[in-house]
Amino acid sequence: MGEFENGEELHMEIPKGFENKYDKTVALRLIHTIYGLKQTACMFWKLLLMEMRSMKCEKSKADPCLYFKWTENGVLLWLSWIDDCLCVGYPLEVAKARADTLNKFECDDLGEVKEYLGCKIDWNWEDKQV
């Protein structure tokens, strides 16, 4: 995910299944952040903020997890929660933002949203305006 900041060092115990590869007195020094550490979430948040700025998105004053960008086709909204992101807006703008994000981060595109943060999302395509 990223490098530790300010010379920070983290050590971890030998993971299960690797005990026979290391002496029992050894602790492993992490070089990069790994999933599950609070430092990883902080690093991801900083990288996401830099990416949103490079895409000319602004952070909402009402919610730090909401970014927005006004385009000629309307508003593009980015919602983020920990490491889950949702982008909504005009389809061509969403496709460009999605491509930019997939180029920057190692992530999965799960396609059309059906649920986000426990909220079920249904679409009414008859009323869809493009």
Foldseek 3Di string as FASTA:
>chain_A
DAAQPPPDKDWAQDDPPCPVVDDNVDIHIDGGDDPPDPRVLVVVLVLVVVLCVVVVWDADPVDNQWTWDQDPQGIWIWGDDSHDIDIDDDVVVSVVSVVSVVVRDVDDDPPDDQDDPRRGDDDDVVPDDD
